[in-house]
């Protein structure tokens, strides 16, 4: 493999890396733009996490407690 082949291979490799990074960025932007779908699993996990939090800390006061 001569110098020119190495150069071309490196250029192609860097191009592929750039394309992959651009695709990842685009996917990330789409994910951020898309509103969160309230899927049953996500609702269930949210409820579970809230339940775990309340069990550990006790129920959260809705209004500040009178002093």
PDB file of N, CA and C in Angstrom:
ATOM      1  N   UNK A   1       0.857  -1.191   0.000  1.00  0.00           N
ATOM      2  CA  UNK A   1       0.000   0.000   0.000  1.00  0.00           C
ATOM      3  C   UNK A   1       0.897   1.247   0.000  1.00  0.00           C
ATOM      4  N   UNK A   2       0.843   1.993  -1.057  1.00  0.00           N
ATOM      5  CA  UNK A   2       1.727   3.159  -1.124  1.00  0.00           C
ATOM      6  C   UNK A   2       1.101   4.374  -0.429  1.00  0.00           C
ATOM      7  N   UNK A   3       1.829   5.455  -0.442  1.00  0.00           N
ATOM      8  CA  UNK A   3       1.421   6.654   0.292  1.00  0.00           C
ATOM      9  C   UNK A   3       0.073   7.177  -0.197  1.00  0.00           C
ATOM     10  N   UNK A   4      -0.116   7.168  -1.527  1.00  0.00           N
ATOM     11  CA  UNK A   4      -1.358   7.684  -2.095  1.00  0.00           C
ATOM     12  C   UNK A   4      -2.550   6.848  -1.633  1.00  0.00           C
ATOM     13  N   UNK A   5      -2.381   5.510  -1.641  1.00  0.00           N
ATOM     14  CA  UNK A   5      -3.460   4.641  -1.176  1.00  0.00           C
ATOM     15  C   UNK A   5      -3.813   4.952   0.275  1.00  0.00           C
ATOM     16  N   UNK A   6      -2.780   5.120   1.092  1.00  0.00           N
ATOM     17  CA  UNK A   6      -3.029   5.431   2.501  1.00  0.00           C
ATOM     18  C   UNK A   6      -3.785   6.749   2.639  1.00  0.00           C
ATOM     19  N   UNK A   7      -3.366   7.740   1.839  1.00  0.00           N
ATOM     20  CA  UNK A   7      -4.003   9.055   1.890  1.00  0.00           C
ATOM     21  C   UNK A   7      -5.484   8.949   1.522  1.00  0.00           C
ATOM     22  N   UNK A   8      -5.768   8.235   0.424  1.00  0.00           N
ATOM     23  CA  UNK A   8      -7.154   8.076  -0.035  1.00  0.00           C
ATOM     24  C   UNK A   8      -7.970   7.329   1.015  1.00  0.00           C
ATOM     25  N   UNK A   9      -7.373   6.271   1.581  1.00  0.00           N
ATOM     26  CA  UNK A   9      -8.084   5.489   2.589  1.00  0.00           C
ATOM     27  C   UNK A   9      -8.406   6.359   3.802  1.00  0.00           C
ATOM     28  N   UNK A  10      -7.436   7.182   4.215  1.00  0.00           N
ATOM     29  CA  UNK A  10      -7.662   8.042   5.374  1.00  0.00           C
ATOM     30  C   UNK A  10      -8.762   9.066   5.078  1.00  0.00           C
ATOM     31  N   UNK A  11      -8.718   9.645   3.867  1.00  0.00           N
ATOM     32  CA  UNK A  11      -9.742  10.623   3.480  1.00  0.00           C
ATOM     33  C   UNK A  11     -11.136   9.984   3.514  1.00  0.00           C
ATOM     34  N   UNK A  12     -11.240   8.777   2.951  1.00  0.00           N
ATOM     35  CA  UNK A  12     -12.533   8.095   2.923  1.00  0.00           C
ATOM     36  C   UNK A  12     -13.001   7.793   4.340  1.00  0.00           C
ATOM     37  N   UNK A  13     -12.071   7.361   5.186  1.00  0.00           N
ATOM     38  CA  UNK A  13     -12.405   7.032   6.570  1.00  0.00           C
ATOM     39  C   UNK A  13     -12.920   8.270   7.303  1.00  0.00           C
ATOM     40  N   UNK A  14     -12.212   9.405   7.139  1.00  0.00           N
ATOM     41  CA  UNK A  14     -12.634  10.638   7.803  1.00  0.00           C
ATOM     42  C   UNK A  14     -13.991  11.093   7.285  1.00  0.00           C
ATOM     43  N   UNK A  15     -14.214  10.913   5.974  1.00  0.00           N
ATOM     44  CA  UNK A  15     -15.503  11.284   5.389  1.00  0.00           C
ATOM     45  C   UNK A  15     -16.626  10.461   6.023  1.00  0.00           C
ATOM     46  N   UNK A  16     -16.364   9.150   6.165  1.00  0.00           N
ATOM     47  CA  UNK A  16     -17.372   8.281   6.790  1.00  0.00           C
ATOM     48  C   UNK A  16     -17.634   8.711   8.227  1.00  0.00           C
ATOM     49  N   UNK A  17     -16.564   9.049   8.956  1.00  0.00           N
ATOM     50  CA  UNK A  17     -16.737   9.499  10.339  1.00  0.00           C
ATOM     51  C   UNK A  17     -17.599  10.752  10.394  1.00  0.00           C
ATOM     52  N   UNK A  18     -17.315  11.712   9.490  1.00  0.00           N
ATOM     53  CA  UNK A  18     -18.089  12.959   9.460  1.00  0.00           C
ATOM     54  C   UNK A  18     -19.551  12.670   9.171  1.00  0.00           C
ATOM     55  N   UNK A  19     -19.812  11.792   8.191  1.00  0.00           N
ATOM     56  CA  UNK A  19     -21.193  11.456   7.847  1.00  0.00           C
ATOM     57  C   UNK A  19     -21.902  10.821   9.031  1.00  0.00           C
ATOM     58  N   UNK A  20     -21.215   9.902   9.706  1.00  0.00           N
ATOM     59  CA  UNK A  20     -21.823   9.235  10.858  1.00  0.00           C
ATOM     60  C   UNK A  20     -22.142  10.251  11.949  1.00  0.00           C
ATOM     61  N   UNK A  21     -21.225  11.189  12.188  1.00  0.00           N
ATOM     62  CA  UNK A  21     -21.455  12.212  13.214  1.00  0.00           C
ATOM     63  C   UNK A  21     -22.638  13.088  12.827  1.00  0.00           C
ATOM     64  N   UNK A  22     -22.732  13.447  11.549  1.00  0.00           N
ATOM     65  CA  UNK A  22     -23.846  14.282  11.086  1.00  0.00           C
ATOM     66  C   UNK A  22     -25.169  13.543  11.258  1.00  0.00           C
ATOM     67  N   UNK A  23     -25.172  12.240  10.933  1.00  0.00           N
ATOM     68  CA  UNK A  23     -26.398  11.454  11.108  1.00  0.00           C
ATOM     69  C   UNK A  23     -26.799  11.402  12.573  1.00  0.00           C
ATOM     70  N   UNK A  24     -25.802  11.188  13.451  1.00  0.00           N
ATOM     71  CA  UNK A  24     -26.108  11.146  14.886  1.00  0.00           C
ATOM     72  C   UNK A  24     -26.690  12.474  15.346  1.00  0.00           C
ATOM     73  N   UNK A  25     -26.067  13.577  14.879  1.00  0.00           N
ATOM     74  CA  UNK A  25     -26.569  14.906  15.249  1.00  0.00           C
ATOM     75  C   UNK A  25     -28.008  15.087  14.784  1.00  0.00           C
ATOM     76  N   UNK A  26     -28.277  14.693  13.521  1.00  0.00           N
ATOM     77  CA  UNK A  26     -29.623  14.847  12.973  1.00  0.00           C
ATOM     78  C   UNK A  26     -30.618  14.023  13.783  1.00  0.00           C
ATOM     79  N   UNK A  27     -30.216  12.791  14.133  1.00  0.00           N
ATOM     80  CA  UNK A  27     -31.111  11.933  14.907  1.00  0.00           C
ATOM     81  C   UNK A  27     -31.385  12.558  16.270  1.00  0.00           C
ATOM     82  N   UNK A  28     -30.344  13.135  16.878  1.00  0.00           N
ATOM     83  CA  UNK A  28     -30.488  13.758  18.192  1.00  0.00           C
ATOM     84  C   UNK A  28     -31.455  14.937  18.108  1.00  0.00           C
ATOM     85  N   UNK A  29     -31.303  15.747  17.050  1.00  0.00           N
ATOM     86  CA  UNK A  29     -32.189  16.904  16.873  1.00  0.00           C
ATOM     87  C   UNK A  29     -33.625  16.435  16.706  1.00  0.00           C
ATOM     88  N   UNK A  30     -33.825  15.387  15.885  1.00  0.00           N
ATOM     89  CA  UNK A  30     -35.179  14.857  15.700  1.00  0.00           C
ATOM     90  C   UNK A  30     -35.747  14.388  17.030  1.00  0.00           C
ATOM     91  N   UNK A  31     -34.899  13.707  17.818  1.00  0.00           N
ATOM     92  CA  UNK A  31     -35.373  13.182  19.094  1.00  0.00           C
ATOM     93  C   UNK A  31     -35.758  14.322  20.030  1.00  0.00           C
ATOM     94  N   UNK A  32     -34.969  15.418  19.996  1.00  0.00           N
ATOM     95  CA  UNK A  32     -35.279  16.547  20.864  1.00  0.00           C
ATOM     96  C   UNK A  32     -36.532  17.265  20.390  1.00  0.00           C
ATOM     97  N   UNK A  33     -36.708  17.375  19.071  1.00  0.00           N
ATOM     98  CA  UNK A  33     -37.851  18.094  18.529  1.00  0.00           C
ATOM     99  C   UNK A  33     -39.147  17.323  18.761  1.00  0.00           C
ATOM    100  N   UNK A  34     -39.062  15.993  18.690  1.00  0.00           N
ATOM    101  CA  UNK A  34     -40.250  15.153  18.804  1.00  0.00           C
ATOM    102  C   UNK A  34     -40.766  15.195  20.241  1.00  0.00           C
ATOM    103  N   UNK A  35     -42.043  15.500  20.460  1.00  0.00           N
ATOM    104  CA  UNK A  35     -42.567  15.483  21.827  1.00  0.00           C
ATOM    105  C   UNK A  35     -42.556  14.062  22.390  1.00  0.00           C
ATOM    106  N   UNK A  36     -42.377  13.956  23.679  1.00  0.00           N
ATOM    107  CA  UNK A  36     -42.306  12.632  24.295  1.00  0.00           C
ATOM    108  C   UNK A  36     -43.657  11.937  24.180  1.00  0.00           C
ATOM    109  N   UNK A  37     -43.644  10.761  23.615  1.00  0.00           N
ATOM    110  CA  UNK A  37     -44.873   9.991  23.473  1.00  0.00           C
ATOM    111  C   UNK A  37     -45.169   9.354  24.821  1.00  0.00           C
ATOM    112  N   UNK A  38     -46.381   9.583  25.310  1.00  0.00           N
ATOM    113  CA  UNK A  38     -46.750   9.017  26.607  1.00  0.00           C
ATOM    114  C   UNK A  38     -47.104   7.547  26.410  1.00  0.00           C
ATOM    115  N   UNK A  39     -46.087   6.734  26.212  1.00  0.00           N
ATOM    116  CA  UNK A  39     -46.323   5.309  26.018  1.00  0.00           C
ATOM    117  C   UNK A  39     -46.679   4.681  27.360  1.00  0.00           C
ATOM    118  N   UNK A  40     -47.435   3.591  27.336  1.00  0.00           N
ATOM    119  CA  UNK A  40     -47.821   2.945  28.603  1.00  0.00           C
ATOM    120  C   UNK A  40     -46.621   2.592  29.465  1.00  0.00           C
ATOM    121  N   UNK A  41     -45.550   2.106  28.816  1.00  0.00           N
ATOM    122  CA  UNK A  41     -44.365   1.722  29.582  1.00  0.00           C
ATOM    123  C   UNK A  41     -43.754   2.938  30.258  1.00  0.00           C
ATOM    124  N   UNK A  42     -43.682   4.065  29.525  1.00  0.00           N
ATOM    125  CA  UNK A  42     -43.080   5.260  30.101  1.00  0.00           C
ATOM    126  C   UNK A  42     -43.943   5.781  31.251  1.00  0.00           C
ATOM    127  N   UNK A  43     -45.269   5.769  31.072  1.00  0.00           N
ATOM    128  CA  UNK A  43     -46.158   6.198  32.156  1.00  0.00           C
ATOM    129  C   UNK A  43     -45.956   5.301  33.373  1.00  0.00           C
ATOM    130  N   UNK A  44     -45.862   3.994  33.119  1.00  0.00           N
ATOM    131  CA  UNK A  44     -45.716   3.044  34.214  1.00  0.00           C
ATOM    132  C   UNK A  44     -44.420   3.290  34.970  1.00  0.00           C
ATOM    133  N   UNK A  45     -43.313   3.498  34.221  1.00  0.00           N
ATOM    134  CA  UNK A  45     -42.033   3.717  34.899  1.00  0.00           C
ATOM    135  C   UNK A  45     -42.050   5.032  35.663  1.00  0.00           C
ATOM    136  N   UNK A  46     -42.691   6.060  35.093  1.00  0.00           N
ATOM    137  CA  UNK A  46     -42.775   7.345  35.796  1.00  0.00           C
ATOM    138  C   UNK A  46     -43.536   7.165  37.104  1.00  0.00           C
ATOM    139  N   UNK A  47     -44.669   6.454  37.026  1.00  0.00           N
ATOM    140  CA  UNK A  47     -45.460   6.216  38.237  1.00  0.00           C
ATOM    141  C   UNK A  47     -44.654   5.426  39.260  1.00  0.00           C
ATOM    142  N   UNK A  48     -43.915   4.441  38.754  1.00  0.00           N
ATOM    143  CA  UNK A  48     -43.107   3.614  39.646  1.00  0.00           C
ATOM    144  C   UNK A  48     -42.051   4.468  40.342  1.00  0.00           C
ATOM    145  N   UNK A  49     -41.362   5.318  39.560  1.00  0.00           N
ATOM    146  CA  UNK A  49     -40.315   6.161  40.144  1.00  0.00           C
ATOM    147  C   UNK A  49     -40.907   7.145  41.147  1.00  0.00           C
ATOM    148  N   UNK A  50     -42.068   7.723  40.818  1.00  0.00           N
ATOM    149  CA  UNK A  50     -42.719   8.648  41.747  1.00  0.00           C
ATOM    150  C   UNK A  50     -43.088   7.889  43.020  1.00  0.00           C
ATOM    151  N   UNK A  51     -43.610   6.668  42.838  1.00  0.00           N
ATOM    152  CA  UNK A  51     -43.980   5.853  43.998  1.00  0.00           C
ATOM    153  C   UNK A  51     -42.769   5.541  44.861  1.00  0.00           C
ATOM    154  N   UNK A  52     -41.656   5.183  44.227  1.00  0.00           N
ATOM    155  CA  UNK A  52     -40.438   4.879  44.983  1.00  0.00           C
ATOM    156  C   UNK A  52     -39.992   6.124  45.731  1.00  0.00           C
ATOM    157  N   UNK A  53     -40.018   7.275  45.059  1.00  0.00           N
ATOM    158  CA  UNK A  53     -39.603   8.520  45.693  1.00  0.00           C
ATOM    159  C   UNK A  53     -40.461   8.858  46.893  1.00  0.00           C
ATOM    160  N   UNK A  54     -41.787   8.685  46.756  1.00  0.00           N
ATOM    161  CA  UNK A  54     -42.666   9.036  47.874  1.00  0.00           C
ATOM    162  C   UNK A  54     -42.485   8.046  49.017  1.00  0.00           C
ATOM    163  N   UNK A  55     -42.208   6.785  48.682  1.00  0.00           N
ATOM    164  CA  UNK A  55     -42.036   5.807  49.746  1.00  0.00           C
ATOM    165  C   UNK A  55     -40.787   6.131  50.566  1.00  0.00           C
ATOM    166  N   UNK A  56     -39.740   6.626  49.889  1.00  0.00           N
ATOM    167  CA  UNK A  56     -38.488   6.907  50.585  1.00  0.00           C
ATOM    168  C   UNK A  56     -38.599   8.213  51.362  1.00  0.00           C
ATOM    169  N   UNK A  57     -39.125   9.260  50.732  1.00  0.00           N
ATOM    170  CA  UNK A  57     -39.100  10.590  51.327  1.00  0.00           C
ATOM    171  C   UNK A  57     -40.393  10.939  52.059  1.00  0.00           C
ATOM    172  N   UNK A  58     -41.413  10.158  51.874  1.00  0.00           N
ATOM    173  CA  UNK A  58     -42.720  10.545  52.385  1.00  0.00           C
ATOM    174  C   UNK A  58     -43.417  11.407  51.354  1.00  0.00           C
ATOM    175  N   UNK A  59     -44.732  11.580  51.487  1.00  0.00           N
ATOM    176  CA  UNK A  59     -45.463  12.359  50.482  1.00  0.00           C
ATOM    177  C   UNK A  59     -44.983  13.806  50.456  1.00  0.00           C
ATOM    178  N   UNK A  60     -44.951  14.370  49.263  1.00  0.00           N
ATOM    179  CA  UNK A  60     -44.498  15.747  49.112  1.00  0.00           C
ATOM    180  C   UNK A  60     -45.605  16.701  49.536  1.00  0.00           C
ATOM    181  N   UNK A  61     -45.295  17.713  50.346  1.00  0.00           N
ATOM    182  CA  UNK A  61     -46.331  18.688  50.693  1.00  0.00           C
ATOM    183  C   UNK A  61     -46.690  19.524  49.470  1.00  0.00           C
ATOM    184  N   UNK A  62     -47.990  19.722  49.257  1.00  0.00           N
ATOM    185  CA  UNK A  62     -48.436  20.475  48.086  1.00  0.00           C
ATOM    186  C   UNK A  62     -48.191  21.963  48.330  1.00  0.00           C
ATOM    187  N   UNK A  63     -48.544  22.445  49.519  1.00  0.00           N
ATOM    188  CA  UNK A  63     -48.295  23.844  49.852  1.00  0.00           C
ATOM    189  C   UNK A  63     -47.274  23.881  50.979  1.00  0.00           C
ATOM    190  N   UNK A  64     -46.563  24.990  51.121  1.00  0.00           N
ATOM    191  CA  UNK A  64     -45.612  25.064  52.228  1.00  0.00           C
ATOM    192  C   UNK A  64     -46.329  24.937  53.569  1.00  0.00           C
ATOM    193  N   UNK A  65     -45.757  24.142  54.454  1.00  0.00           N
ATOM    194  CA  UNK A  65     -46.413  23.888  55.740  1.00  0.00           C
ATOM    195  C   UNK A  65     -46.397  25.161  56.590  1.00  0.00           C
ATOM    196  N   UNK A  66     -47.499  25.449  57.278  1.00  0.00           N
ATOM    197  CA  UNK A  66     -47.518  26.635  58.151  1.00  0.00           C
ATOM    198  C   UNK A  66     -46.529  26.468  59.293  1.00  0.00           C
ATOM    199  N   UNK A  67     -45.804  27.526  59.589  1.00  0.00           N
ATOM    200  CA  UNK A  67     -44.774  27.446  60.634  1.00  0.00           C
ATOM    201  C   UNK A  67     -45.382  27.870  61.956  1.00  0.00           C
TER     202      UNK A  67
END
